[in-house]
Amino acid sequence: MRWTSDGRADCADGSSTACSPEAWPGQLVTVSLPALSAEAPCGIKVVPQSTAAITEEYQRTTQPDGKELFELSDFYEHGPQDGETDVTALAEGYITVTPLHADLTDYGQLSQLQQCHWPDTPE
């Protein structure tokens, strides 16, 4: 994909339809940039989002009024990746593009639960 002077994206095959934001209205896309360095990014990769575990650390501090506060530290570590993901591509220096969706409904479980007899709700 490359950007034209009018801000539109052209796909590698020369078409601009699939890469144009108008082709996917309402689509949620995350674009992540690799860590800053003296080198330019290696390119752009369209990859799935990593679902591997992340190890985080929190720091406990005590505020002047005596209340405890837990803050996320600067340390975090990604677990092993299964195939190429946004995490692996970013580590390799690529800009990543990942299409997302926000509907986390488990439709298989939904249809099963709809078949259950649920007690009446008190009024």
PDB file of N, CA and C in Angstrom:
ATOM      1  N   MET A   1       0.854  -1.158   0.000  1.00  0.00           N
ATOM      2  CA  MET A   1       0.000   0.000   0.000  1.00  0.00           C
ATOM      3  C   MET A   1       0.905   1.228   0.000  1.00  0.00           C
ATOM      4  N   ARG A   2       0.506   2.231  -0.723  1.00  0.00           N
ATOM      5  CA  ARG A   2       1.213   3.504  -0.703  1.00  0.00           C
ATOM      6  C   ARG A   2       0.166   4.607  -0.677  1.00  0.00           C
ATOM      7  N   TRP A   3       0.558   5.756  -0.181  1.00  0.00           N
ATOM      8  CA  TRP A   3      -0.363   6.873  -0.052  1.00  0.00           C
ATOM      9  C   TRP A   3      -0.207   7.801  -1.243  1.00  0.00           C
ATOM     10  N   THR A   4      -1.340   8.241  -1.775  1.00  0.00           N
ATOM     11  CA  THR A   4      -1.332   9.169  -2.896  1.00  0.00           C
ATOM     12  C   THR A   4      -1.281  10.598  -2.359  1.00  0.00           C
ATOM     13  N   SER A   5      -1.063  11.559  -3.231  1.00  0.00           N
ATOM     14  CA  SER A   5      -0.951  12.954  -2.802  1.00  0.00           C
ATOM     15  C   SER A   5      -2.255  13.493  -2.217  1.00  0.00           C
ATOM     16  N   ASP A   6      -3.389  12.854  -2.547  1.00  0.00           N
ATOM     17  CA  ASP A   6      -4.660  13.314  -1.987  1.00  0.00           C
ATOM     18  C   ASP A   6      -5.051  12.550  -0.717  1.00  0.00           C
ATOM     19  N   GLY A   7      -4.091  11.791  -0.132  1.00  0.00           N
ATOM     20  CA  GLY A   7      -4.340  11.118   1.138  1.00  0.00           C
ATOM     21  C   GLY A   7      -5.010   9.774   1.023  1.00  0.00           C
ATOM     22  N   ARG A   8      -5.182   9.227  -0.173  1.00  0.00           N
ATOM     23  CA  ARG A   8      -5.813   7.924  -0.348  1.00  0.00           C
ATOM     24  C   ARG A   8      -4.739   6.847  -0.443  1.00  0.00           C
ATOM     25  N   ALA A   9      -5.125   5.624  -0.141  1.00  0.00           N
ATOM     26  CA  ALA A   9      -4.174   4.514  -0.191  1.00  0.00           C
ATOM     27  C   ALA A   9      -4.350   3.733  -1.480  1.00  0.00           C
ATOM     28  N   ASP A  10      -3.247   3.368  -2.098  1.00  0.00           N
ATOM     29  CA  ASP A  10      -3.260   2.492  -3.265  1.00  0.00           C
ATOM     30  C   ASP A  10      -2.739   1.128  -2.846  1.00  0.00           C
ATOM     31  N   CYS A  11      -3.449   0.077  -3.240  1.00  0.00           N
ATOM     32  CA  CYS A  11      -3.020  -1.281  -2.925  1.00  0.00           C
ATOM     33  C   CYS A  11      -1.857  -1.679  -3.822  1.00  0.00           C
ATOM     34  N   ALA A  12      -1.181  -2.752  -3.428  1.00  0.00           N
ATOM     35  CA  ALA A  12      -0.027  -3.228  -4.194  1.00  0.00           C
ATOM     36  C   ALA A  12      -0.401  -3.587  -5.623  1.00  0.00           C
ATOM     37  N   ASP A  13      -1.655  -4.028  -5.835  1.00  0.00           N
ATOM     38  CA  ASP A  13      -2.065  -4.422  -7.188  1.00  0.00           C
ATOM     39  C   ASP A  13      -2.482  -3.232  -8.049  1.00  0.00           C
ATOM     40  N   GLY A  14      -2.339  -2.021  -7.520  1.00  0.00           N
ATOM     41  CA  GLY A  14      -2.664  -0.829  -8.295  1.00  0.00           C
ATOM     42  C   GLY A  14      -4.085  -0.329  -8.088  1.00  0.00           C
ATOM     43  N   SER A  15      -4.951  -1.139  -7.474  1.00  0.00           N
ATOM     44  CA  SER A  15      -6.318  -0.680  -7.219  1.00  0.00           C
ATOM     45  C   SER A  15      -6.325   0.140  -5.941  1.00  0.00           C
ATOM     46  N   SER A  16      -7.320   0.962  -5.797  1.00  0.00           N
ATOM     47  CA  SER A  16      -7.422   1.728  -4.559  1.00  0.00           C
ATOM     48  C   SER A  16      -8.724   1.429  -3.837  1.00  0.00           C
ATOM     49  N   THR A  17      -9.564   0.570  -4.385  1.00  0.00           N
ATOM     50  CA  THR A  17     -10.874   0.315  -3.794  1.00  0.00           C
ATOM     51  C   THR A  17     -10.780  -0.362  -2.435  1.00  0.00           C
ATOM     52  N   ALA A  18     -10.069  -1.491  -2.355  1.00  0.00           N
ATOM     53  CA  ALA A  18     -10.019  -2.242  -1.102  1.00  0.00           C
ATOM     54  C   ALA A  18      -9.278  -1.491  -0.016  1.00  0.00           C
ATOM     55  N   CYS A  19      -8.333  -0.658  -0.370  1.00  0.00           N
ATOM     56  CA  CYS A  19      -7.532   0.052   0.621  1.00  0.00           C
ATOM     57  C   CYS A  19      -8.126   1.398   1.009  1.00  0.00           C
ATOM     58  N   SER A  20      -9.176   1.795   0.380  1.00  0.00           N
ATOM     59  CA  SER A  20      -9.798   3.073   0.681  1.00  0.00           C
ATOM     60  C   SER A  20     -10.692   2.948   1.914  1.00  0.00           C
ATOM     61  N   PRO A  21     -10.609   3.886   2.846  1.00  0.00           N
ATOM     62  CA  PRO A  21     -11.483   3.832   4.019  1.00  0.00           C
ATOM     63  C   PRO A  21     -12.968   3.754   3.660  1.00  0.00           C
ATOM     64  N   GLU A  22     -13.355   4.270   2.505  1.00  0.00           N
ATOM     65  CA  GLU A  22     -14.759   4.188   2.107  1.00  0.00           C
ATOM     66  C   GLU A  22     -15.190   2.759   1.838  1.00  0.00           C
ATOM     67  N   ALA A  23     -14.242   1.848   1.608  1.00  0.00           N
ATOM     68  CA  ALA A  23     -14.562   0.445   1.314  1.00  0.00           C
ATOM     69  C   ALA A  23     -14.958  -0.315   2.563  1.00  0.00           C
ATOM     70  N   TRP A  24     -14.668   0.209   3.736  1.00  0.00           N
ATOM     71  CA  TRP A  24     -15.007  -0.485   4.973  1.00  0.00           C
ATOM     72  C   TRP A  24     -15.500   0.498   6.025  1.00  0.00           C
ATOM     73  N   PRO A  25     -16.690   1.064   5.792  1.00  0.00           N
ATOM     74  CA  PRO A  25     -17.221   2.031   6.759  1.00  0.00           C
ATOM     75  C   PRO A  25     -17.467   1.373   8.114  1.00  0.00           C
ATOM     76  N   GLY A  26     -17.162   2.087   9.150  1.00  0.00           N
ATOM     77  CA  GLY A  26     -17.384   1.582  10.497  1.00  0.00           C
ATOM     78  C   GLY A  26     -16.351   0.578  10.956  1.00  0.00           C
ATOM     79  N   GLN A  27     -15.383   0.262  10.139  1.00  0.00           N
ATOM     80  CA  GLN A  27     -14.346  -0.711  10.507  1.00  0.00           C
ATOM     81  C   GLN A  27     -13.400  -0.101  11.527  1.00  0.00           C
ATOM     82  N   LEU A  28     -13.081  -0.861  12.543  1.00  0.00           N
ATOM     83  CA  LEU A  28     -12.122  -0.446  13.555  1.00  0.00           C
ATOM     84  C   LEU A  28     -10.767  -1.028  13.168  1.00  0.00           C
ATOM     85  N   VAL A  29      -9.782  -0.173  12.974  1.00  0.00           N
ATOM     86  CA  VAL A  29      -8.451  -0.608  12.560  1.00  0.00           C
ATOM     87  C   VAL A  29      -7.449   0.009  13.517  1.00  0.00           C
ATOM     88  N   THR A  30      -6.543  -0.806  14.020  1.00  0.00           N
ATOM     89  CA  THR A  30      -5.468  -0.277  14.854  1.00  0.00           C
ATOM     90  C   THR A  30      -4.188  -0.225  14.031  1.00  0.00           C
ATOM     91  N   VAL A  31      -3.502   0.887  14.131  1.00  0.00           N
ATOM     92  CA  VAL A  31      -2.227   1.071  13.449  1.00  0.00           C
ATOM     93  C   VAL A  31      -1.198   1.317  14.549  1.00  0.00           C
ATOM     94  N   SER A  32      -0.172   0.451  14.592  1.00  0.00           N
ATOM     95  CA  SER A  32       0.857   0.568  15.627  1.00  0.00           C
ATOM     96  C   SER A  32       2.196   0.857  14.982  1.00  0.00           C
ATOM     97  N   LEU A  33       2.954   1.719  15.632  1.00  0.00           N
ATOM     98  CA  LEU A  33       4.259   2.115  15.126  1.00  0.00           C
ATOM     99  C   LEU A  33       5.348   1.455  15.952  1.00  0.00           C
ATOM    100  N   PRO A  34       6.430   0.997  15.298  1.00  0.00           N
ATOM    101  CA  PRO A  34       7.524   0.390  16.062  1.00  0.00           C
ATOM    102  C   PRO A  34       8.231   1.440  16.907  1.00  0.00           C
ATOM    103  N   ALA A  35       9.031   0.973  17.855  1.00  0.00           N
ATOM    104  CA  ALA A  35       9.792   1.887  18.707  1.00  0.00           C
ATOM    105  C   ALA A  35      10.627   2.830  17.846  1.00  0.00           C
ATOM    106  N   LEU A  36      10.727   4.062  18.293  1.00  0.00           N
ATOM    107  CA  LEU A  36      11.506   5.049  17.553  1.00  0.00           C
ATOM    108  C   LEU A  36      12.981   4.656  17.517  1.00  0.00           C
ATOM    109  N   SER A  37      13.578   4.845  16.379  1.00  0.00           N
ATOM    110  CA  SER A  37      15.011   4.594  16.229  1.00  0.00           C
ATOM    111  C   SER A  37      15.518   5.481  15.103  1.00  0.00           C
ATOM    112  N   ALA A  38      16.798   5.389  14.842  1.00  0.00           N
ATOM    113  CA  ALA A  38      17.391   6.170  13.752  1.00  0.00           C
ATOM    114  C   ALA A  38      16.984   5.606  12.396  1.00  0.00           C
ATOM    115  N   GLU A  39      16.542   4.360  12.378  1.00  0.00           N
ATOM    116  CA  GLU A  39      16.152   3.697  11.141  1.00  0.00           C
ATOM    117  C   GLU A  39      14.677   3.959  10.827  1.00  0.00           C
ATOM    118  N   ALA A  40      14.362   3.996   9.545  1.00  0.00           N
ATOM    119  CA  ALA A  40      12.959   4.102   9.130  1.00  0.00           C
ATOM    120  C   ALA A  40      12.288   2.747   9.356  1.00  0.00           C
ATOM    121  N   PRO A  41      10.949   2.716   9.527  1.00  0.00           N
ATOM    122  CA  PRO A  41      10.267   1.432   9.645  1.00  0.00           C
ATOM    123  C   PRO A  41      10.563   0.552   8.422  1.00  0.00           C
ATOM    124  N   CYS A  42      10.534  -0.757   8.637  1.00  0.00           N
ATOM    125  CA  CYS A  42      10.838  -1.713   7.559  1.00  0.00           C
ATOM    126  C   CYS A  42       9.740  -1.760   6.501  1.00  0.00           C
ATOM    127  N   GLY A  43       8.554  -1.297   6.839  1.00  0.00           N
ATOM    128  CA  GLY A  43       7.416  -1.340   5.934  1.00  0.00           C
ATOM    129  C   GLY A  43       6.141  -1.461   6.739  1.00  0.00           C
ATOM    130  N   ILE A  44       5.090  -1.903   6.079  1.00  0.00           N
ATOM    131  CA  ILE A  44       3.783  -2.068   6.717  1.00  0.00           C
ATOM    132  C   ILE A  44       3.357  -3.514   6.562  1.00  0.00           C
ATOM    133  N   LYS A  45       2.874  -4.119   7.663  1.00  0.00           N
ATOM    134  CA  LYS A  45       2.339  -5.472   7.622  1.00  0.00           C
ATOM    135  C   LYS A  45       0.924  -5.458   8.189  1.00  0.00           C
ATOM    136  N   VAL A  46       0.022  -6.144   7.505  1.00  0.00           N
ATOM    137  CA  VAL A  46      -1.335  -6.345   8.006  1.00  0.00           C
ATOM    138  C   VAL A  46      -1.331  -7.706   8.687  1.00  0.00           C
ATOM    139  N   VAL A  47      -1.519  -7.708   9.992  1.00  0.00           N
ATOM    140  CA  VAL A  47      -1.346  -8.914  10.793  1.00  0.00           C
ATOM    141  C   VAL A  47      -2.443  -9.020  11.853  1.00  0.00           C
ATOM    142  N   PRO A  48      -2.658 -10.240  12.376  1.00  0.00           N
ATOM    143  CA  PRO A  48      -3.642 -10.384  13.460  1.00  0.00           C
ATOM    144  C   PRO A  48      -3.101  -9.839  14.774  1.00  0.00           C
ATOM    145  N   GLN A  49      -4.013  -9.537  15.666  1.00  0.00           N
ATOM    146  CA  GLN A  49      -3.657  -9.064  16.994  1.00  0.00           C
ATOM    147  C   GLN A  49      -3.146 -10.248  17.820  1.00  0.00           C
ATOM    148  N   SER A  50      -2.120 -10.025  18.589  1.00  0.00           N
ATOM    149  CA  SER A  50      -1.609 -11.070  19.468  1.00  0.00           C
ATOM    150  C   SER A  50      -2.602 -11.338  20.589  1.00  0.00           C
ATOM    151  N   THR A  51      -2.761 -12.599  20.925  1.00  0.00           N
ATOM    152  CA  THR A  51      -3.588 -12.972  22.071  1.00  0.00           C
ATOM    153  C   THR A  51      -2.742 -13.658  23.146  1.00  0.00           C
ATOM    154  N   ALA A  52      -1.412 -13.587  23.005  1.00  0.00           N
ATOM    155  CA  ALA A  52      -0.518 -14.191  23.987  1.00  0.00           C
ATOM    156  C   ALA A  52      -0.574 -13.415  25.299  1.00  0.00           C
ATOM    157  N   ALA A  53      -0.230 -14.102  26.350  1.00  0.00           N
ATOM    158  CA  ALA A  53      -0.228 -13.491  27.679  1.00  0.00           C
ATOM    159  C   ALA A  53       0.803 -12.364  27.755  1.00  0.00           C
ATOM    160  N   ILE A  54       0.508 -11.399  28.596  1.00  0.00           N
ATOM    161  CA  ILE A  54       1.432 -10.303  28.870  1.00  0.00           C
ATOM    162  C   ILE A  54       1.715 -10.311  30.369  1.00  0.00           C
ATOM    163  N   THR A  55       2.980 -10.282  30.731  1.00  0.00           N
ATOM    164  CA  THR A  55       3.371 -10.183  32.135  1.00  0.00           C
ATOM    165  C   THR A  55       3.578  -8.711  32.449  1.00  0.00           C
ATOM    166  N   GLU A  56       2.899  -8.247  33.489  1.00  0.00           N
ATOM    167  CA  GLU A  56       3.010  -6.850  33.901  1.00  0.00           C
ATOM    168  C   GLU A  56       3.441  -6.799  35.360  1.00  0.00           C
ATOM    169  N   GLU A  57       3.994  -5.712  35.745  1.00  0.00           N
ATOM    170  CA  GLU A  57       4.349  -5.508  37.143  1.00  0.00           C
ATOM    171  C   GLU A  57       3.729  -4.201  37.629  1.00  0.00           C
ATOM    172  N   TYR A  58       3.272  -4.239  38.878  1.00  0.00           N
ATOM    173  CA  TYR A  58       2.714  -3.050  39.504  1.00  0.00           C
ATOM    174  C   TYR A  58       3.594  -2.639  40.670  1.00  0.00           C
ATOM    175  N   GLN A  59       3.677  -1.350  40.900  1.00  0.00           N
ATOM    176  CA  GLN A  59       4.450  -0.825  42.018  1.00  0.00           C
ATOM    177  C   GLN A  59       3.490  -0.278  43.055  1.00  0.00           C
ATOM    178  N   ARG A  60       3.735  -0.648  44.303  1.00  0.00           N
ATOM    179  CA  ARG A  60       2.919  -0.154  45.405  1.00  0.00           C
ATOM    180  C   ARG A  60       3.610   1.076  45.987  1.00  0.00           C
ATOM    181  N   THR A  61       2.886   2.153  46.080  1.00  0.00           N
ATOM    182  CA  THR A  61       3.413   3.363  46.709  1.00  0.00           C
ATOM    183  C   THR A  61       2.406   3.837  47.750  1.00  0.00           C
ATOM    184  N   THR A  62       2.895   4.606  48.666  1.00  0.00           N
ATOM    185  CA  THR A  62       2.019   5.174  49.689  1.00  0.00           C
ATOM    186  C   THR A  62       1.986   6.678  49.488  1.00  0.00           C
ATOM    187  N   GLN A  63       0.778   7.203  49.348  1.00  0.00           N
ATOM    188  CA  GLN A  63       0.607   8.631  49.156  1.00  0.00           C
ATOM    189  C   GLN A  63       0.813   9.358  50.485  1.00  0.00           C
ATOM    190  N   PRO A  64       1.056  10.674  50.447  1.00  0.00           N
ATOM    191  CA  PRO A  64       1.273  11.441  51.689  1.00  0.00           C
ATOM    192  C   PRO A  64       0.133  11.298  52.697  1.00  0.00           C
ATOM    193  N   ASP A  65      -1.098  11.054  52.202  1.00  0.00           N
ATOM    194  CA  ASP A  65      -2.227  10.909  53.124  1.00  0.00           C
ATOM    195  C   ASP A  65      -2.355   9.487  53.672  1.00  0.00           C
ATOM    196  N   GLY A  66      -1.381   8.606  53.315  1.00  0.00           N
ATOM    197  CA  GLY A  66      -1.377   7.246  53.836  1.00  0.00           C
ATOM    198  C   GLY A  66      -2.080   6.221  52.958  1.00  0.00           C
ATOM    199  N   LYS A  67      -2.761   6.662  51.913  1.00  0.00           N
ATOM    200  CA  LYS A  67      -3.453   5.722  51.025  1.00  0.00           C
ATOM    201  C   LYS A  67      -2.449   5.000  50.134  1.00  0.00           C
ATOM    202  N   GLU A  68      -2.694   3.712  49.934  1.00  0.00           N
ATOM    203  CA  GLU A  68      -1.830   2.942  49.046  1.00  0.00           C
ATOM    204  C   GLU A  68      -2.290   3.104  47.606  1.00  0.00           C
ATOM    205  N   LEU A  69      -1.321   3.164  46.719  1.00  0.00           N
ATOM    206  CA  LEU A  69      -1.602   3.323  45.302  1.00  0.00           C
ATOM    207  C   LEU A  69      -0.800   2.269  44.547  1.00  0.00           C
ATOM    208  N   PHE A  70      -1.448   1.589  43.611  1.00  0.00           N
ATOM    209  CA  PHE A  70      -0.775   0.603  42.778  1.00  0.00           C
ATOM    210  C   PHE A  70      -0.707   1.164  41.363  1.00  0.00           C
ATOM    211  N   GLU A  71       0.511   1.300  40.852  1.00  0.00           N
ATOM    212  CA  GLU A  71       0.721   1.863  39.525  1.00  0.00           C
ATOM    213  C   GLU A  71       1.403   0.843  38.631  1.00  0.00           C
ATOM    214  N   LEU A  72       0.983   0.804  37.384  1.00  0.00           N
ATOM    215  CA  LEU A  72       1.608  -0.069  36.407  1.00  0.00           C
ATOM    216  C   LEU A  72       3.026   0.423  36.158  1.00  0.00           C
ATOM    217  N   SER A  73       4.001  -0.475  36.288  1.00  0.00           N
ATOM    218  CA  SER A  73       5.395  -0.086  36.067  1.00  0.00           C
ATOM    219  C   SER A  73       5.692  -0.049  34.575  1.00  0.00           C
ATOM    220  N   ASP A  74       6.905   0.338  34.245  1.00  0.00           N
ATOM    221  CA  ASP A  74       7.322   0.373  32.846  1.00  0.00           C
ATOM    222  C   ASP A  74       7.650  -1.016  32.309  1.00  0.00           C
ATOM    223  N   PHE A  75       7.707  -2.029  33.175  1.00  0.00           N
ATOM    224  CA  PHE A  75       8.060  -3.381  32.740  1.00  0.00           C
ATOM    225  C   PHE A  75       6.829  -4.147  32.267  1.00  0.00           C
ATOM    226  N   TYR A  76       6.937  -4.721  31.123  1.00  0.00           N
ATOM    227  CA  TYR A  76       5.970  -5.723  30.672  1.00  0.00           C
ATOM    228  C   TYR A  76       6.678  -6.623  29.682  1.00  0.00           C
ATOM    229  N   GLU A  77       6.168  -7.835  29.570  1.00  0.00           N
ATOM    230  CA  GLU A  77       6.815  -8.813  28.711  1.00  0.00           C
ATOM    231  C   GLU A  77       5.732  -9.641  28.025  1.00  0.00           C
ATOM    232  N   HIS A  78       5.873  -9.810  26.725  1.00  0.00           N
ATOM    233  CA  HIS A  78       4.924 -10.625  25.976  1.00  0.00           C
ATOM    234  C   HIS A  78       5.312 -12.088  26.069  1.00  0.00           C
ATOM    235  N   GLY A  79       4.317 -12.953  26.180  1.00  0.00           N
ATOM    236  CA  GLY A  79       4.562 -14.392  26.168  1.00  0.00           C
ATOM    237  C   GLY A  79       4.869 -14.870  24.757  1.00  0.00           C
ATOM    238  N   PRO A  80       5.119 -16.168  24.608  1.00  0.00           N
ATOM    239  CA  PRO A  80       5.436 -16.713  23.281  1.00  0.00           C
ATOM    240  C   PRO A  80       4.309 -16.435  22.285  1.00  0.00           C
ATOM    241  N   GLN A  81       4.689 -16.076  21.072  1.00  0.00           N
ATOM    242  CA  GLN A  81       3.731 -15.751  20.022  1.00  0.00           C
ATOM    243  C   GLN A  81       3.475 -16.980  19.158  1.00  0.00           C
ATOM    244  N   ASP A  82       2.244 -17.131  18.742  1.00  0.00           N
ATOM    245  CA  ASP A  82       1.867 -18.238  17.860  1.00  0.00           C
ATOM    246  C   ASP A  82       1.740 -17.682  16.447  1.00  0.00           C
ATOM    247  N   GLY A  83       2.820 -17.737  15.682  1.00  0.00           N
ATOM    248  CA  GLY A  83       2.795 -17.204  14.322  1.00  0.00           C
ATOM    249  C   GLY A  83       3.076 -15.717  14.317  1.00  0.00           C
ATOM    250  N   GLU A  84       2.885 -15.121  13.138  1.00  0.00           N
ATOM    251  CA  GLU A  84       3.144 -13.689  13.007  1.00  0.00           C
ATOM    252  C   GLU A  84       1.961 -12.901  13.543  1.00  0.00           C
ATOM    253  N   THR A  85       2.250 -11.949  14.423  1.00  0.00           N
ATOM    254  CA  THR A  85       1.223 -11.098  15.029  1.00  0.00           C
ATOM    255  C   THR A  85       1.713  -9.656  15.014  1.00  0.00           C
ATOM    256  N   ASP A  86       0.883  -8.766  15.528  1.00  0.00           N
ATOM    257  CA  ASP A  86       1.302  -7.374  15.642  1.00  0.00           C
ATOM    258  C   ASP A  86       2.550  -7.252  16.519  1.00  0.00           C
ATOM    259  N   VAL A  87       2.650  -8.071  17.543  1.00  0.00           N
ATOM    260  CA  VAL A  87       3.802  -8.007  18.445  1.00  0.00           C
ATOM    261  C   VAL A  87       5.084  -8.407  17.723  1.00  0.00           C
ATOM    262  N   THR A  88       5.045  -9.505  16.960  1.00  0.00           N
ATOM    263  CA  THR A  88       6.262  -9.947  16.270  1.00  0.00           C
ATOM    264  C   THR A  88       6.649  -8.971  15.170  1.00  0.00           C
ATOM    265  N   ALA A  89       5.679  -8.459  14.438  1.00  0.00           N
ATOM    266  CA  ALA A  89       5.983  -7.527  13.347  1.00  0.00           C
ATOM    267  C   ALA A  89       6.534  -6.213  13.893  1.00  0.00           C
ATOM    268  N   LEU A  90       5.989  -5.723  15.003  1.00  0.00           N
ATOM    269  CA  LEU A  90       6.517  -4.502  15.624  1.00  0.00           C
ATOM    270  C   LEU A  90       7.951  -4.714  16.086  1.00  0.00           C
ATOM    271  N   ALA A  91       8.226  -5.886  16.670  1.00  0.00           N
ATOM    272  CA  ALA A  91       9.583  -6.188  17.136  1.00  0.00           C
ATOM    273  C   ALA A  91      10.570  -6.228  15.978  1.00  0.00           C
ATOM    274  N   GLU A  92      10.076  -6.567  14.781  1.00  0.00           N
ATOM    275  CA  GLU A  92      10.919  -6.604  13.589  1.00  0.00           C
ATOM    276  C   GLU A  92      11.046  -5.234  12.928  1.00  0.00           C
ATOM    277  N   GLY A  93      10.360  -4.225  13.478  1.00  0.00           N
ATOM    278  CA  GLY A  93      10.478  -2.871  12.958  1.00  0.00           C
ATOM    279  C   GLY A  93       9.422  -2.462  11.951  1.00  0.00           C
ATOM    280  N   TYR A  94       8.331  -3.223  11.850  1.00  0.00           N
ATOM    281  CA  TYR A  94       7.263  -2.902  10.902  1.00  0.00           C
ATOM    282  C   TYR A  94       6.157  -2.086  11.562  1.00  0.00           C
ATOM    283  N   ILE A  95       5.517  -1.250  10.785  1.00  0.00           N
ATOM    284  CA  ILE A  95       4.254  -0.632  11.174  1.00  0.00           C
ATOM    285  C   ILE A  95       3.206  -1.716  10.990  1.00  0.00           C
ATOM    286  N   THR A  96       2.298  -1.865  11.950  1.00  0.00           N
ATOM    287  CA  THR A  96       1.287  -2.919  11.833  1.00  0.00           C
ATOM    288  C   THR A  96      -0.101  -2.323  11.675  1.00  0.00           C
ATOM    289  N   VAL A  97      -0.912  -3.004  10.892  1.00  0.00           N
ATOM    290  CA  VAL A  97      -2.313  -2.649  10.687  1.00  0.00           C
ATOM    291  C   VAL A  97      -3.119  -3.898  11.023  1.00  0.00           C
ATOM    292  N   THR A  98      -4.066  -3.762  11.930  1.00  0.00           N
ATOM    293  CA  THR A  98      -4.865  -4.899  12.369  1.00  0.00           C
ATOM    294  C   THR A  98      -6.335  -4.505  12.405  1.00  0.00           C
ATOM    295  N   PRO A  99      -7.179  -5.159  11.595  1.00  0.00           N
ATOM    296  CA  PRO A  99      -8.620  -4.888  11.686  1.00  0.00           C
ATOM    297  C   PRO A  99      -9.181  -5.561  12.939  1.00  0.00           C
ATOM    298  N   LEU A 100     -10.021  -4.844  13.660  1.00  0.00           N
ATOM    299  CA  LEU A 100     -10.612  -5.349  14.901  1.00  0.00           C
ATOM    300  C   LEU A 100     -12.124  -5.292  14.829  1.00  0.00           C
ATOM    301  N   HIS A 101     -12.754  -5.974  15.763  1.00  0.00           N
ATOM    302  CA  HIS A 101     -14.197  -5.804  15.939  1.00  0.00           C
ATOM    303  C   HIS A 101     -14.483  -5.808  17.434  1.00  0.00           C
ATOM    304  N   ALA A 102     -15.521  -5.123  17.824  1.00  0.00           N
ATOM    305  CA  ALA A 102     -15.800  -4.941  19.239  1.00  0.00           C
ATOM    306  C   ALA A 102     -16.868  -5.886  19.778  1.00  0.00           C
ATOM    307  N   ASP A 103     -17.527  -6.664  18.946  1.00  0.00           N
ATOM    308  CA  ASP A 103     -18.579  -7.561  19.406  1.00  0.00           C
ATOM    309  C   ASP A 103     -17.947  -8.832  19.950  1.00  0.00           C
ATOM    310  N   LEU A 104     -17.901  -8.965  21.273  1.00  0.00           N
ATOM    311  CA  LEU A 104     -17.303 -10.134  21.901  1.00  0.00           C
ATOM    312  C   LEU A 104     -18.336 -11.190  22.278  1.00  0.00           C
ATOM    313  N   THR A 105     -19.540 -11.059  21.758  1.00  0.00           N
ATOM    314  CA  THR A 105     -20.593 -12.016  22.047  1.00  0.00           C
ATOM    315  C   THR A 105     -20.205 -13.413  21.587  1.00  0.00           C
ATOM    316  N   ASP A 106     -20.381 -14.400  22.449  1.00  0.00           N
ATOM    317  CA  ASP A 106     -20.174 -15.808  22.084  1.00  0.00           C
ATOM    318  C   ASP A 106     -21.518 -16.313  21.555  1.00  0.00           C
ATOM    319  N   TYR A 107     -21.701 -16.255  20.239  1.00  0.00           N
ATOM    320  CA  TYR A 107     -22.998 -16.573  19.660  1.00  0.00           C
ATOM    321  C   TYR A 107     -23.383 -18.026  19.849  1.00  0.00           C
ATOM    322  N   GLY A 108     -22.425 -18.947  19.894  1.00  0.00           N
ATOM    323  CA  GLY A 108     -22.737 -20.348  20.176  1.00  0.00           C
ATOM    324  C   GLY A 108     -23.323 -20.502  21.560  1.00  0.00           C
ATOM    325  N   GLN A 109     -22.709 -19.856  22.537  1.00  0.00           N
ATOM    326  CA  GLN A 109     -23.204 -19.906  23.909  1.00  0.00           C
ATOM    327  C   GLN A 109     -24.508 -19.122  24.037  1.00  0.00           C
ATOM    328  N   LEU A 110     -24.654 -18.033  23.305  1.00  0.00           N
ATOM    329  CA  LEU A 110     -25.863 -17.226  23.357  1.00  0.00           C
ATOM    330  C   LEU A 110     -27.086 -18.056  22.999  1.00  0.00           C
ATOM    331  N   SER A 111     -27.006 -18.806  21.907  1.00  0.00           N
ATOM    332  CA  SER A 111     -28.166 -19.611  21.495  1.00  0.00           C
ATOM    333  C   SER A 111     -28.466 -20.689  22.521  1.00  0.00           C
ATOM    334  N   GLN A 112     -27.439 -21.257  23.163  1.00  0.00           N
ATOM    335  CA  GLN A 112     -27.688 -22.261  24.204  1.00  0.00           C
ATOM    336  C   GLN A 112     -28.364 -21.633  25.419  1.00  0.00           C
ATOM    337  N   LEU A 113     -27.870 -20.471  25.827  1.00  0.00           N
ATOM    338  CA  LEU A 113     -28.455 -19.811  26.993  1.00  0.00           C
ATOM    339  C   LEU A 113     -29.880 -19.337  26.731  1.00  0.00           C
ATOM    340  N   GLN A 114     -30.178 -19.001  25.483  1.00  0.00           N
ATOM    341  CA  GLN A 114     -31.537 -18.576  25.156  1.00  0.00           C
ATOM    342  C   GLN A 114     -32.531 -19.719  25.290  1.00  0.00           C
ATOM    343  N   GLN A 115     -32.050 -20.943  25.246  1.00  0.00           N
ATOM    344  CA  GLN A 115     -32.920 -22.114  25.382  1.00  0.00           C
ATOM    345  C   GLN A 115     -33.199 -22.466  26.848  1.00  0.00           C
ATOM    346  N   CYS A 116     -32.459 -21.871  27.767  1.00  0.00           N
ATOM    347  CA  CYS A 116     -32.635 -22.157  29.184  1.00  0.00           C
ATOM    348  C   CYS A 116     -33.916 -21.520  29.715  1.00  0.00           C
ATOM    349  N   HIS A 117     -34.496 -22.170  30.750  1.00  0.00           N
ATOM    350  CA  HIS A 117     -35.644 -21.564  31.429  1.00  0.00           C
ATOM    351  C   HIS A 117     -35.095 -20.682  32.537  1.00  0.00           C
ATOM    352  N   TRP A 118     -35.336 -19.408  32.422  1.00  0.00           N
ATOM    353  CA  TRP A 118     -34.845 -18.461  33.407  1.00  0.00           C
ATOM    354  C   TRP A 118     -35.993 -18.050  34.312  1.00  0.00           C
ATOM    355  N   PRO A 119     -35.737 -17.907  35.617  1.00  0.00           N
ATOM    356  CA  PRO A 119     -36.829 -17.503  36.532  1.00  0.00           C
ATOM    357  C   PRO A 119     -37.324 -16.109  36.188  1.00  0.00           C
ATOM    358  N   ASP A 120     -38.590 -15.876  36.492  1.00  0.00           N
ATOM    359  CA  ASP A 120     -39.147 -14.542  36.274  1.00  0.00           C
ATOM    360  C   ASP A 120     -38.433 -13.536  37.145  1.00  0.00           C
ATOM    361  N   THR A 121     -38.296 -12.343  36.629  1.00  0.00           N
ATOM    362  CA  THR A 121     -37.668 -11.278  37.380  1.00  0.00           C
ATOM    363  C   THR A 121     -38.692 -10.615  38.291  1.00  0.00           C
ATOM    364  N   PRO A 122     -38.366 -10.455  39.579  1.00  0.00           N
ATOM    365  CA  PRO A 122     -39.341  -9.776  40.465  1.00  0.00           C
ATOM    366  C   PRO A 122     -39.566  -8.352  40.022  1.00  0.00           C
ATOM    367  N   GLU A 123     -40.774  -7.916  40.191  1.00  0.00           N
ATOM    368  CA  GLU A 123     -41.122  -6.548  39.777  1.00  0.00           C
ATOM    369  C   GLU A 123     -40.944  -5.580  40.907  1.00  0.00           C
TER     370      GLU A 123
END
